[in-house]
Amino acid sequence: MYERGGGKTAKHSWVSEADTIGSLSYLPIQVWQHHRQRNFRAACGATMKLNLPRFSHLPAAAFLHYIPSSSIRSMNNGEFLELDALLFQQVYTKLQAQKSLIVAAVGQLLARRRRKGTEGGDDDD
């Protein structure tokens, strides 16, 4: 996780824990794609020829849900993940059903954050 220190010239730095999601600037994540049923596959994107998984820095305002490792089963040497049936039903299915609304809401949150940074407030590196 990355957090921005205090002050206008403060740098982002890695932290092992945070009091709130709002204090974080970015979360490094591995990108996964829904494959079928409760299975997800590692997204490779431009690194597909090398079979390397894709990673991203997710803005903290786009964070939706933490999935505990106890709810995930790794398959095929980490190429696929299977979510626990209860978590899949209670979290993923419900989020997927509201995907268009969630995308719009996260877009608005990120737009507000960018505007705040350009109006002389916090700079959003």
Protein backbone atom coordinates (compact mmCIF):
# COMPACT_ATOMS: atom_id res chain seq x y z
CA MET A 1 0.00 0.00 0.00
CA TYR A 2 1.17 3.54 -0.65
CA GLU A 3 0.43 6.52 1.52
CA ARG A 4 1.25 10.16 1.02
CA GLY A 5 3.00 11.87 3.89
CA GLY A 6 1.96 15.28 5.22
CA GLY A 7 2.74 18.56 3.44
CA LYS A 8 2.53 19.80 -0.14
CA THR A 9 5.88 18.35 -1.20
CA ALA A 10 5.38 15.00 0.54
CA LYS A 11 6.18 11.81 -1.37
CA HIS A 12 4.17 8.62 -1.60
CA SER A 13 5.77 5.78 0.33
CA TRP A 14 5.01 2.14 1.01
CA VAL A 15 3.26 1.31 4.30
CA SER A 16 2.45 -2.11 5.74
CA GLU A 17 -0.80 -0.98 7.40
CA ALA A 18 -3.14 2.00 7.52
CA ASP A 19 -5.85 3.19 9.89
CA THR A 20 -8.33 3.92 7.09
CA ILE A 21 -8.60 3.33 3.35
CA GLY A 22 -8.92 7.11 2.94
CA SER A 23 -5.36 7.65 4.16
CA LEU A 24 -3.97 5.53 1.31
CA SER A 25 -3.18 6.83 -2.15
CA TYR A 26 -2.65 3.57 -4.08
CA LEU A 27 -2.95 -0.18 -3.59
CA PRO A 28 -0.70 -2.43 -5.71
CA ILE A 29 -2.85 -5.31 -6.97
CA GLN A 30 -2.61 -8.30 -9.26
CA VAL A 31 -5.27 -8.11 -11.98
CA TRP A 32 -7.63 -11.10 -12.39
CA GLN A 33 -10.39 -11.76 -14.93
CA HIS A 34 -13.58 -13.71 -14.28
CA HIS A 35 -13.20 -16.95 -16.23
CA ARG A 36 -16.25 -19.10 -15.45
CA GLN A 37 -18.34 -20.00 -12.44
CA ARG A 38 -16.22 -19.17 -9.34
CA ASN A 39 -12.91 -19.27 -11.25
CA PHE A 40 -10.73 -16.31 -12.16
CA ARG A 41 -7.59 -16.31 -14.31
CA ALA A 42 -4.54 -14.13 -14.06
CA ALA A 43 -4.71 -11.25 -16.55
CA CYS A 44 -1.56 -11.01 -18.65
CA GLY A 45 -2.23 -8.17 -21.10
CA ALA A 46 0.95 -7.07 -22.90
CA THR A 47 3.01 -9.64 -20.97
CA MET A 48 1.04 -12.63 -22.32
CA LYS A 49 3.97 -13.93 -24.41
CA LEU A 50 6.06 -14.11 -21.23
CA ASN A 51 3.13 -15.53 -19.22
CA LEU A 52 3.60 -12.84 -16.57
CA PRO A 53 0.60 -11.67 -14.56
CA ARG A 54 -0.46 -8.04 -14.81
CA PHE A 55 -0.24 -5.73 -11.81
CA SER A 56 -1.67 -2.28 -11.30
CA HIS A 57 -1.70 0.60 -8.82
CA LEU A 58 -5.35 0.94 -7.86
CA PRO A 59 -6.35 4.38 -6.52
CA ALA A 60 -7.66 3.96 -2.98
CA ALA A 61 -10.97 5.58 -4.01
CA ALA A 62 -11.54 2.62 -6.39
CA PHE A 63 -11.09 -0.04 -3.68
CA LEU A 64 -14.32 -2.01 -3.14
CA HIS A 65 -13.76 -5.15 -1.09
CA TYR A 66 -10.96 -7.06 0.61
CA ILE A 67 -11.00 -10.81 -0.07
CA PRO A 68 -9.40 -12.81 2.75
CA SER A 69 -6.87 -15.42 1.64
CA SER A 70 -8.95 -18.08 3.44
CA SER A 71 -11.67 -17.52 0.78
CA ILE A 72 -9.33 -18.16 -2.15
CA ARG A 73 -7.99 -21.44 -3.52
CA SER A 74 -5.05 -21.26 -5.93
CA MET A 75 -5.14 -23.66 -8.88
CA ASN A 76 -2.80 -24.60 -11.73
CA ASN A 77 0.34 -23.05 -10.16
CA GLY A 78 -1.39 -19.74 -9.45
CA GLU A 79 -2.73 -19.26 -12.97
CA PHE A 80 -6.31 -19.59 -11.69
CA LEU A 81 -8.11 -18.73 -8.46
CA GLU A 82 -11.35 -20.16 -7.16
CA LEU A 83 -13.43 -18.07 -4.75
CA ASP A 84 -15.25 -19.64 -1.84
CA ALA A 85 -18.89 -20.30 -2.84
CA LEU A 86 -20.32 -18.12 -0.05
CA LEU A 87 -18.02 -15.16 -0.83
CA PHE A 88 -18.71 -15.52 -4.55
CA GLN A 89 -22.47 -15.45 -3.96
CA GLN A 90 -22.57 -12.75 -1.28
CA VAL A 91 -19.95 -10.39 -2.72
CA TYR A 92 -18.93 -10.98 -6.33
CA THR A 93 -22.40 -11.78 -7.71
CA LYS A 94 -23.94 -8.75 -6.00
CA LEU A 95 -21.15 -6.42 -7.17
CA GLN A 96 -21.35 -7.80 -10.72
CA ALA A 97 -25.12 -7.15 -10.79
CA GLN A 98 -24.49 -3.48 -9.96
CA LYS A 99 -21.37 -3.10 -12.12
CA SER A 100 -22.57 -0.13 -14.20
CA LEU A 101 -23.61 1.82 -11.09
CA ILE A 102 -20.34 0.98 -9.31
CA VAL A 103 -18.23 2.04 -12.31
CA ALA A 104 -20.10 5.36 -12.48
CA ALA A 105 -19.77 5.98 -8.72
CA VAL A 106 -16.04 5.17 -8.66
CA GLY A 107 -15.56 7.39 -11.72
CA GLN A 108 -17.21 10.29 -9.87
CA LEU A 109 -15.06 9.69 -6.77
CA LEU A 110 -11.87 9.66 -8.84
CA ALA A 111 -12.95 12.77 -10.82
CA ARG A 112 -13.57 14.69 -7.58
CA ARG A 113 -10.18 13.62 -6.29
CA ARG A 114 -8.48 14.82 -9.50
CA ARG A 115 -10.32 18.18 -9.41
CA LYS A 116 -9.30 18.69 -5.80
CA GLY A 117 -5.67 18.14 -6.82
CA THR A 118 -5.85 20.66 -9.67
CA GLU A 119 -7.51 23.44 -7.63
CA GLY A 120 -4.45 24.06 -5.48
CA GLY A 121 -5.45 21.45 -2.88
CA ASP A 122 -3.76 18.11 -2.45
CA ASP A 123 -1.78 17.09 -5.50
CA ASP A 124 -2.73 13.57 -6.59
CA ASP A 125 0.54 12.07 -7.93
